[in-house]
Amino acid sequence: MNFQLSKFLLALCVILAFSAAGVGVALRNIWFIVIAFLVGFALMGYGISLKKKETS
């Protein structure tokens, strides 16, 4: 099994972005929530595109 640091860091950033959305909910700041979700989905989409390129 090969550990890939870059993919691990990307996954960690996605988790942190969605956790930041939770912080935004606690702070009741809609803009923080929206931005955190957009960043999280963008990073996740980038990771999925990397995975598709790797398998094909």
N, C-alpha and C. Protein backbone atom coordinates (compact mmCIF):
# COMPACT_ATOMS: atom_id res chain seq x y z
N MET A 1 0.85 -1.18 0.00
CA MET A 1 0.00 0.00 0.00
C MET A 1 0.89 1.24 0.00
N ASN A 2 0.56 2.17 -0.89
CA ASN A 2 1.40 3.35 -1.07
C ASN A 2 0.71 4.56 -0.45
N PHE A 3 1.37 5.22 0.49
CA PHE A 3 0.82 6.42 1.12
C PHE A 3 1.14 7.63 0.26
N GLN A 4 0.10 8.36 -0.12
CA GLN A 4 0.27 9.54 -0.97
C GLN A 4 -0.05 10.79 -0.14
N LEU A 5 0.99 11.51 0.22
CA LEU A 5 0.84 12.66 1.10
C LEU A 5 -0.03 13.74 0.49
N SER A 6 0.10 14.00 -0.80
CA SER A 6 -0.68 15.07 -1.42
C SER A 6 -2.17 14.79 -1.37
N LYS A 7 -2.57 13.54 -1.60
CA LYS A 7 -3.99 13.19 -1.54
C LYS A 7 -4.50 13.21 -0.10
N PHE A 8 -3.65 12.84 0.83
CA PHE A 8 -4.02 12.91 2.24
C PHE A 8 -4.26 14.37 2.66
N LEU A 9 -3.38 15.26 2.24
CA LEU A 9 -3.54 16.67 2.59
C LEU A 9 -4.77 17.27 1.92
N LEU A 10 -5.06 16.85 0.70
CA LEU A 10 -6.27 17.32 0.02
C LEU A 10 -7.52 16.87 0.78
N ALA A 11 -7.54 15.62 1.20
CA ALA A 11 -8.68 15.10 1.96
C ALA A 11 -8.81 15.83 3.30
N LEU A 12 -7.70 16.12 3.93
CA LEU A 12 -7.71 16.85 5.19
C LEU A 12 -8.27 18.26 5.00
N CYS A 13 -7.91 18.90 3.90
CA CYS A 13 -8.43 20.24 3.61
C CYS A 13 -9.94 20.22 3.36
N VAL A 14 -10.43 19.17 2.72
CA VAL A 14 -11.87 19.04 2.50
C VAL A 14 -12.59 18.89 3.84
N ILE A 15 -12.05 18.08 4.72
CA ILE A 15 -12.65 17.90 6.04
C ILE A 15 -12.63 19.21 6.82
N LEU A 16 -11.54 19.94 6.74
CA LEU A 16 -11.45 21.22 7.45
C LEU A 16 -12.43 22.24 6.88
N ALA A 17 -12.65 22.22 5.57
CA ALA A 17 -13.59 23.16 4.96
C ALA A 17 -15.01 22.88 5.44
N PHE A 18 -15.40 21.61 5.49
CA PHE A 18 -16.75 21.29 5.97
C PHE A 18 -16.88 21.50 7.47
N SER A 19 -15.79 21.32 8.20
CA SER A 19 -15.81 21.65 9.63
C SER A 19 -15.95 23.15 9.83
N ALA A 20 -15.33 23.92 8.96
CA ALA A 20 -15.46 25.38 9.04
C ALA A 20 -16.90 25.80 8.78
N ALA A 21 -17.60 25.07 7.93
CA ALA A 21 -19.03 25.36 7.72
C ALA A 21 -19.79 25.14 9.01
N GLY A 22 -19.43 24.14 9.77
CA GLY A 22 -20.05 23.92 11.08
C GLY A 22 -19.77 25.05 12.04
N VAL A 23 -18.58 25.58 12.00
CA VAL A 23 -18.25 26.74 12.82
C VAL A 23 -19.09 27.93 12.38
N GLY A 24 -19.28 28.07 11.08
CA GLY A 24 -20.12 29.15 10.57
C GLY A 24 -21.55 29.04 11.05
N VAL A 25 -22.06 27.81 11.14
CA VAL A 25 -23.41 27.60 11.66
C VAL A 25 -23.47 28.05 13.13
N ALA A 26 -22.44 27.68 13.89
CA ALA A 26 -22.40 28.07 15.30
C ALA A 26 -22.34 29.59 15.46
N LEU A 27 -21.63 30.24 14.53
CA LEU A 27 -21.50 31.70 14.59
C LEU A 27 -22.68 32.42 13.93
N ARG A 28 -23.55 31.66 13.26
CA ARG A 28 -24.71 32.20 12.53
C ARG A 28 -24.27 33.22 11.48
N ASN A 29 -23.20 32.88 10.76
CA ASN A 29 -22.68 33.75 9.71
C ASN A 29 -22.90 33.05 8.37
N ILE A 30 -23.92 33.50 7.63
CA ILE A 30 -24.31 32.81 6.40
C ILE A 30 -23.21 32.86 5.34
N TRP A 31 -22.49 33.98 5.25
CA TRP A 31 -21.44 34.09 4.23
C TRP A 31 -20.28 33.13 4.51
N PHE A 32 -19.95 32.97 5.76
CA PHE A 32 -18.89 32.03 6.14
C PHE A 32 -19.31 30.61 5.79
N ILE A 33 -20.58 30.28 6.04
CA ILE A 33 -21.10 28.95 5.73
C ILE A 33 -21.04 28.69 4.22
N VAL A 34 -21.52 29.65 3.44
CA VAL A 34 -21.56 29.50 1.97
C VAL A 34 -20.15 29.35 1.41
N ILE A 35 -19.24 30.19 1.85
CA ILE A 35 -17.87 30.13 1.34
C ILE A 35 -17.20 28.82 1.73
N ALA A 36 -17.40 28.38 2.97
CA ALA A 36 -16.80 27.12 3.42
C ALA A 36 -17.33 25.94 2.61
N PHE A 37 -18.66 25.93 2.35
CA PHE A 37 -19.23 24.84 1.54
C PHE A 37 -18.69 24.88 0.11
N LEU A 38 -18.60 26.06 -0.47
CA LEU A 38 -18.09 26.16 -1.84
C LEU A 38 -16.64 25.69 -1.93
N VAL A 39 -15.83 26.09 -0.97
CA VAL A 39 -14.43 25.64 -0.95
C VAL A 39 -14.37 24.12 -0.76
N GLY A 40 -15.19 23.59 0.14
CA GLY A 40 -15.20 22.15 0.38
C GLY A 40 -15.59 21.37 -0.86
N PHE A 41 -16.66 21.81 -1.54
CA PHE A 41 -17.10 21.10 -2.74
C PHE A 41 -16.10 21.26 -3.88
N ALA A 42 -15.47 22.42 -3.98
CA ALA A 42 -14.47 22.62 -5.03
C ALA A 42 -13.26 21.70 -4.81
N LEU A 43 -12.80 21.62 -3.57
CA LEU A 43 -11.67 20.75 -3.28
C LEU A 43 -12.04 19.28 -3.49
N MET A 44 -13.25 18.91 -3.10
CA MET A 44 -13.68 17.53 -3.29
C MET A 44 -13.81 17.20 -4.78
N GLY A 45 -14.33 18.13 -5.56
CA GLY A 45 -14.42 17.93 -7.01
C GLY A 45 -13.05 17.79 -7.65
N TYR A 46 -12.10 18.58 -7.18
CA TYR A 46 -10.74 18.48 -7.69
C TYR A 46 -10.15 17.11 -7.36
N GLY A 47 -10.38 16.62 -6.14
CA GLY A 47 -9.89 15.30 -5.75
C GLY A 47 -10.51 14.20 -6.58
N ILE A 48 -11.80 14.30 -6.86
CA ILE A 48 -12.47 13.29 -7.67
C ILE A 48 -11.93 13.31 -9.10
N SER A 49 -11.68 14.51 -9.63
CA SER A 49 -11.12 14.59 -10.98
C SER A 49 -9.71 13.98 -11.04
N LEU A 50 -8.94 14.17 -9.99
CA LEU A 50 -7.61 13.54 -9.94
C LEU A 50 -7.73 12.02 -9.92
N LYS A 51 -8.70 11.53 -9.17
CA LYS A 51 -8.90 10.08 -9.08
C LYS A 51 -9.32 9.50 -10.44
N LYS A 52 -10.19 10.21 -11.15
CA LYS A 52 -10.65 9.73 -12.47
C LYS A 52 -9.49 9.73 -13.46
N LYS A 53 -8.64 10.74 -13.42
CA LYS A 53 -7.49 10.79 -14.32
C LYS A 53 -6.51 9.65 -14.02
N GLU A 54 -6.40 9.31 -12.74
CA GLU A 54 -5.46 8.26 -12.33
C GLU A 54 -5.93 6.88 -12.78
N THR A 55 -7.24 6.64 -12.73
CA THR A 55 -7.75 5.33 -13.09
C THR A 55 -7.89 5.12 -14.60
N SER A 56 -8.01 6.20 -15.35
CA SER A 56 -8.19 6.02 -16.79
C SER A 56 -6.90 6.17 -17.57
